[in-house]
Protein backbone atom coordinates (compact mmCIF):
# COMPACT_ATOMS: atom_id res chain seq x y z
CA UNK A 1 31.47 148.42 24.44
CA UNK A 2 33.08 151.88 24.45
CA UNK A 3 30.36 154.51 24.06
CA UNK A 4 32.90 156.93 22.56
CA UNK A 5 33.02 154.68 19.48
CA UNK A 6 29.26 154.42 19.10
CA UNK A 7 28.64 151.58 21.54
CA UNK A 8 27.11 151.52 25.00
CA UNK A 9 28.08 150.76 28.58
CA UNK A 10 28.37 147.26 30.01
CA UNK A 11 25.70 145.96 32.42
CA UNK A 12 26.10 146.34 36.18
CA UNK A 13 23.82 143.88 37.96
CA UNK A 14 22.22 143.90 41.38
CA UNK A 15 24.84 142.93 43.94
CA UNK A 16 27.63 144.71 42.06
CA UNK A 17 28.61 142.06 39.49
CA UNK A 18 29.65 143.55 36.12
CA UNK A 19 29.35 141.83 32.74
CA UNK A 20 32.23 143.55 30.92
CA UNK A 21 31.60 143.64 27.16
CA UNK A 22 34.67 143.76 24.90
CA UNK A 23 34.34 145.99 21.83
CA UNK A 24 33.61 144.29 18.49
CA UNK A 25 36.81 143.31 16.68
CA UNK A 26 37.55 145.64 13.77
CA UNK A 27 40.66 143.95 12.35
CA UNK A 28 40.58 141.26 9.70
CA UNK A 29 41.28 137.91 11.35
CA UNK A 30 42.76 134.69 9.97
CA UNK A 31 40.02 132.90 11.87
CA UNK A 32 37.89 133.62 14.92
CA UNK A 33 39.06 131.68 17.98
CA UNK A 34 36.49 130.57 20.53
CA UNK A 35 37.61 133.10 23.17
CA UNK A 36 36.73 135.98 20.80
CA UNK A 37 33.23 134.71 20.01
CA UNK A 38 30.68 136.15 22.48
CA UNK A 39 28.53 133.04 21.97
CA UNK A 40 31.29 131.10 23.76
CA UNK A 41 32.29 133.57 26.51
CA UNK A 42 30.55 132.80 29.79
CA UNK A 43 29.01 135.74 31.62
CA UNK A 44 30.76 135.87 35.03
CA UNK A 45 27.52 137.11 36.58
CA UNK A 46 25.62 133.92 35.75
CA UNK A 47 23.36 135.13 32.94
CA UNK A 48 24.49 132.72 30.24
CA UNK A 49 26.97 133.98 27.62
CA UNK A 50 28.04 137.50 26.71
CA UNK A 51 26.28 137.45 23.33
CA UNK A 52 23.07 138.07 25.32
CA UNK A 53 24.10 141.71 25.64
CA UNK A 54 25.20 142.39 22.05
CA UNK A 55 22.40 143.93 20.02
CA UNK A 56 21.60 142.96 16.45
CA UNK A 57 23.60 145.70 14.71
CA UNK A 58 26.85 145.45 16.70
CA UNK A 59 28.65 143.22 14.21
CA UNK A 60 29.29 143.86 10.53
CA UNK A 61 28.29 141.10 8.12
CA UNK A 62 26.99 139.09 11.11
CA UNK A 63 30.57 137.96 11.89
CA UNK A 64 30.77 137.74 15.67
CA UNK A 65 34.19 138.56 17.06
CA UNK A 66 35.09 140.71 20.05
CA UNK A 67 38.41 142.20 21.13
CA UNK A 68 38.67 140.20 24.35
CA UNK A 69 41.53 142.14 25.97
CA UNK A 70 42.76 142.97 28.65
CA UNK A 71 42.76 139.57 30.34
CA UNK A 72 43.37 140.03 34.07
CA UNK A 73 42.21 136.45 34.52
CA UNK A 74 45.17 135.28 32.40
CA UNK A 75 47.61 137.97 33.52
CA UNK A 76 48.18 140.10 30.42
CA UNK A 77 47.15 143.17 28.47
CA UNK A 78 48.15 143.66 24.83
CA UNK A 79 48.01 146.94 22.99
CA UNK A 80 50.28 149.56 21.46
CA UNK A 81 52.65 152.25 22.62
CA UNK A 82 51.32 155.80 22.82
CA UNK A 83 50.34 157.88 20.95
CA UNK A 84 48.86 155.14 18.71
CA UNK A 85 47.84 153.11 21.76
CA UNK A 86 47.57 153.50 25.52
CA UNK A 87 50.86 152.05 26.79
CA UNK A 88 53.26 154.85 27.84
CA UNK A 89 56.61 154.88 26.06
CA UNK A 90 58.24 158.27 26.64
CA UNK A 91 61.45 158.37 28.67
CA UNK A 92 60.80 158.32 32.40
CA UNK A 93 57.18 157.21 31.95
CA UNK A 94 57.60 153.62 30.80
CA UNK A 95 55.87 150.87 32.71
CA UNK A 96 58.18 149.10 35.13
CA UNK A 97 58.00 146.00 37.29
CA UNK A 98 55.69 146.64 40.22
CA UNK A 99 53.64 149.33 38.49
CA UNK A 100 49.88 148.82 38.52
CA UNK A 101 47.56 149.13 35.53
CA UNK A 102 43.94 149.89 36.42
CA UNK A 103 41.28 149.30 33.79
CA UNK A 104 38.23 151.55 33.53
CA UNK A 105 34.83 150.78 32.01
CA UNK A 106 31.46 152.45 31.63
CA UNK A 107 28.78 150.52 33.56
CA UNK A 108 25.01 150.99 33.75
CA UNK A 109 22.22 149.47 35.84
CA UNK A 110 20.02 148.41 32.92
CA UNK A 111 16.66 146.75 33.54
CA UNK A 112 17.33 143.02 33.17
CA UNK A 113 14.44 142.52 30.73
CA UNK A 114 16.13 144.91 28.29
CA UNK A 115 18.12 141.95 26.93
CA UNK A 116 15.16 139.61 26.51
CA UNK A 117 14.37 140.94 23.02
CA UNK A 118 16.39 142.00 20.00
CA UNK A 119 17.37 145.66 20.37
CA UNK A 120 19.30 148.15 18.26
CA UNK A 121 22.27 150.18 19.44
CA UNK A 122 19.99 153.23 19.25
CA UNK A 123 17.48 151.58 21.61
CA UNK A 124 20.14 150.75 24.22
CA UNK A 125 21.75 154.18 24.01
CA UNK A 126 18.36 155.77 24.62
CA UNK A 127 17.97 153.72 27.81
CA UNK A 128 21.56 154.57 28.78
CA UNK A 129 20.89 158.31 28.45
CA UNK A 130 18.00 157.99 30.90
CA UNK A 131 20.16 155.99 33.34
CA UNK A 132 22.86 158.67 33.24
CA UNK A 133 20.35 161.36 34.19
CA UNK A 134 19.10 159.20 37.07
CA UNK A 135 22.58 158.52 38.43
CA UNK A 136 22.49 154.84 37.48
CA UNK A 137 25.41 154.91 35.03
CA UNK A 138 29.03 155.91 35.43
CA UNK A 139 32.69 155.10 35.00
CA UNK A 140 34.24 152.43 37.21
CA UNK A 141 37.61 150.80 37.84
CA UNK A 142 36.86 147.14 37.13
CA UNK A 143 40.19 145.28 37.17
CA UNK A 144 43.93 145.67 37.30
CA UNK A 145 47.33 144.19 36.53
CA UNK A 146 50.52 144.32 38.59
CA UNK A 147 53.28 144.64 35.99
CA UNK A 148 56.03 142.03 35.82
CA UNK A 149 57.33 142.43 32.26
CA UNK A 150 56.68 144.55 29.15
CA UNK A 151 57.34 142.72 25.87
CA UNK A 152 57.70 144.64 22.59
CA UNK A 153 56.54 142.00 20.11
CA UNK A 154 57.53 144.28 17.24
CA UNK A 155 61.12 143.55 18.29
CA UNK A 156 60.91 139.97 19.51
CA UNK A 157 58.38 138.62 16.99
CA UNK A 158 55.37 136.48 17.81
CA UNK A 159 57.26 133.16 17.68
CA UNK A 160 59.61 134.11 20.52
CA UNK A 161 56.85 135.90 22.45
CA UNK A 162 54.65 132.80 22.40
CA UNK A 163 57.58 130.56 23.35
CA UNK A 164 58.35 132.75 26.37
CA UNK A 165 54.73 133.54 27.24
CA UNK A 166 52.35 130.89 25.81
CA UNK A 167 49.36 132.70 27.35
CA UNK A 168 49.70 135.35 24.62
CA UNK A 169 48.04 132.87 22.28
CA UNK A 170 44.86 134.35 23.78
CA UNK A 171 45.66 137.88 22.60
CA UNK A 172 43.37 139.15 19.81
CA UNK A 173 46.40 140.90 18.29
CA UNK A 174 48.01 137.55 17.52
CA UNK A 175 45.12 136.63 15.22
CA UNK A 176 45.34 139.84 13.19
CA UNK A 177 49.10 139.58 12.48
CA UNK A 178 49.71 142.78 14.42
CA UNK A 179 53.47 143.27 14.61
CA UNK A 180 53.19 146.53 16.57
CA UNK A 181 51.76 144.73 19.60
CA UNK A 182 53.16 145.39 23.06
CA UNK A 183 52.33 142.87 25.79
CA UNK A 184 52.18 143.74 29.47
CA UNK A 185 52.59 140.57 31.55
CA UNK A 186 51.73 140.44 35.24
CA UNK A 187 49.39 139.39 38.02
CA UNK A 188 45.80 140.32 37.28
CA UNK A 189 42.95 140.97 39.66
CA UNK A 190 39.22 141.68 39.40
CA UNK A 191 37.64 144.48 41.47
CA UNK A 192 34.29 143.26 42.72
CA UNK A 193 32.17 145.22 43.19
CA UNK A 194 33.72 147.74 40.78
CA UNK A 195 34.97 151.04 42.21
CA UNK A 196 32.90 153.99 40.96
CA UNK A 197 35.06 156.94 39.90
CA UNK A 198 32.52 159.10 38.07
CA UNK A 199 28.73 159.48 38.13
CA UNK A 200 26.97 161.55 35.48
CA UNK A 201 24.69 163.09 38.09
CA UNK A 202 27.16 163.58 40.94
CA UNK A 203 30.51 164.00 39.15
CA UNK A 204 33.90 162.64 40.22
CA UNK A 205 33.87 160.33 43.23
CA UNK A 206 35.74 161.15 46.41
CA UNK A 207 37.55 157.79 46.17
CA UNK A 208 38.95 158.63 42.72
CA UNK A 209 40.08 162.10 43.80
CA UNK A 210 41.78 160.56 46.84
CA UNK A 211 43.40 157.92 44.63
CA UNK A 212 44.97 160.09 41.89
CA UNK A 213 44.60 163.66 43.19
CA UNK A 214 42.09 166.25 42.02
CA UNK A 215 44.20 167.63 39.15
CA UNK A 216 44.80 164.16 37.70
CA UNK A 217 41.15 163.18 38.20
CA UNK A 218 39.93 166.26 36.32
CA UNK A 219 42.47 165.69 33.53
CA UNK A 220 41.40 162.07 33.11
CA UNK A 221 37.72 163.11 33.10
CA UNK A 222 38.35 165.74 30.41
CA UNK A 223 40.09 163.06 28.36
CA UNK A 224 36.82 161.08 28.46
CA UNK A 225 38.45 158.44 30.71
CA UNK A 226 40.19 156.92 27.69
CA UNK A 227 43.69 156.99 29.17
CA UNK A 228 45.48 158.51 32.10
CA UNK A 229 49.19 158.23 31.41
CA UNK A 230 51.43 157.45 34.36
CA UNK A 231 50.16 158.78 37.69
CA UNK A 232 52.59 158.68 40.61
CA UNK A 233 50.80 157.36 43.70
CA UNK A 234 51.96 155.08 46.46
CA UNK A 235 51.18 151.39 46.55
CA UNK A 236 49.68 151.93 50.01
CA UNK A 237 47.12 154.37 48.57
CA UNK A 238 46.14 151.94 45.82
CA UNK A 239 45.84 149.18 48.39
CA UNK A 240 43.72 151.21 50.78
CA UNK A 241 41.37 152.71 48.18
CA UNK A 242 41.14 150.02 45.50
CA UNK A 243 41.90 146.72 47.24
CA UNK A 244 40.39 147.35 50.66
CA UNK A 245 37.24 149.04 49.35
CA UNK A 246 36.15 145.90 47.47
């Protein structure tokens, strides 16, 4: 839900299962497909559907649509090249086959009964502030994608992109006629339980510092964990810290 844009963190349940909440869709859509309606998206943690966690004032004009992307379950992430988006474009820092994208999210251990009644964003953020002080909220690595291909849809067009990669029909960008879209295709994976990289009471985690190095970890933290750029680390280190710790 991206707290930096006025939202709140996604729920982290007992046992380490995370209900990742996509941000509300801000673009005008031709129509709202089922996979972008939180009433139709099943909560992977077994608590019904994701709309349970969206408070009354999340959506403008009561139109429910969420930006359901990235999709590690379907093997893609769609976005834009930097600086407008988060996909690196500069020479020498482009994504290549075999690179690994890791996706971060804010997670909090909310009381389960918080979602039993209609709440406002202000109500949830108040609870979240308390959880941060108590060390029950932080930033986690929740999923990833091993890159196989990067497709610049601004060059190929949506018709060819969908012919080559039909799974991109499930990209929210397709439904907003976004011709600047860049698609990263690959093998996705879910990290369960998520890997904590920052706690508001304890700071950066040792695992995150070991993964990217202290200088990179501090830089990413100061950038509010919104993007990291390309960080050169070995596959073995990612395997040992991210894969083998879950």
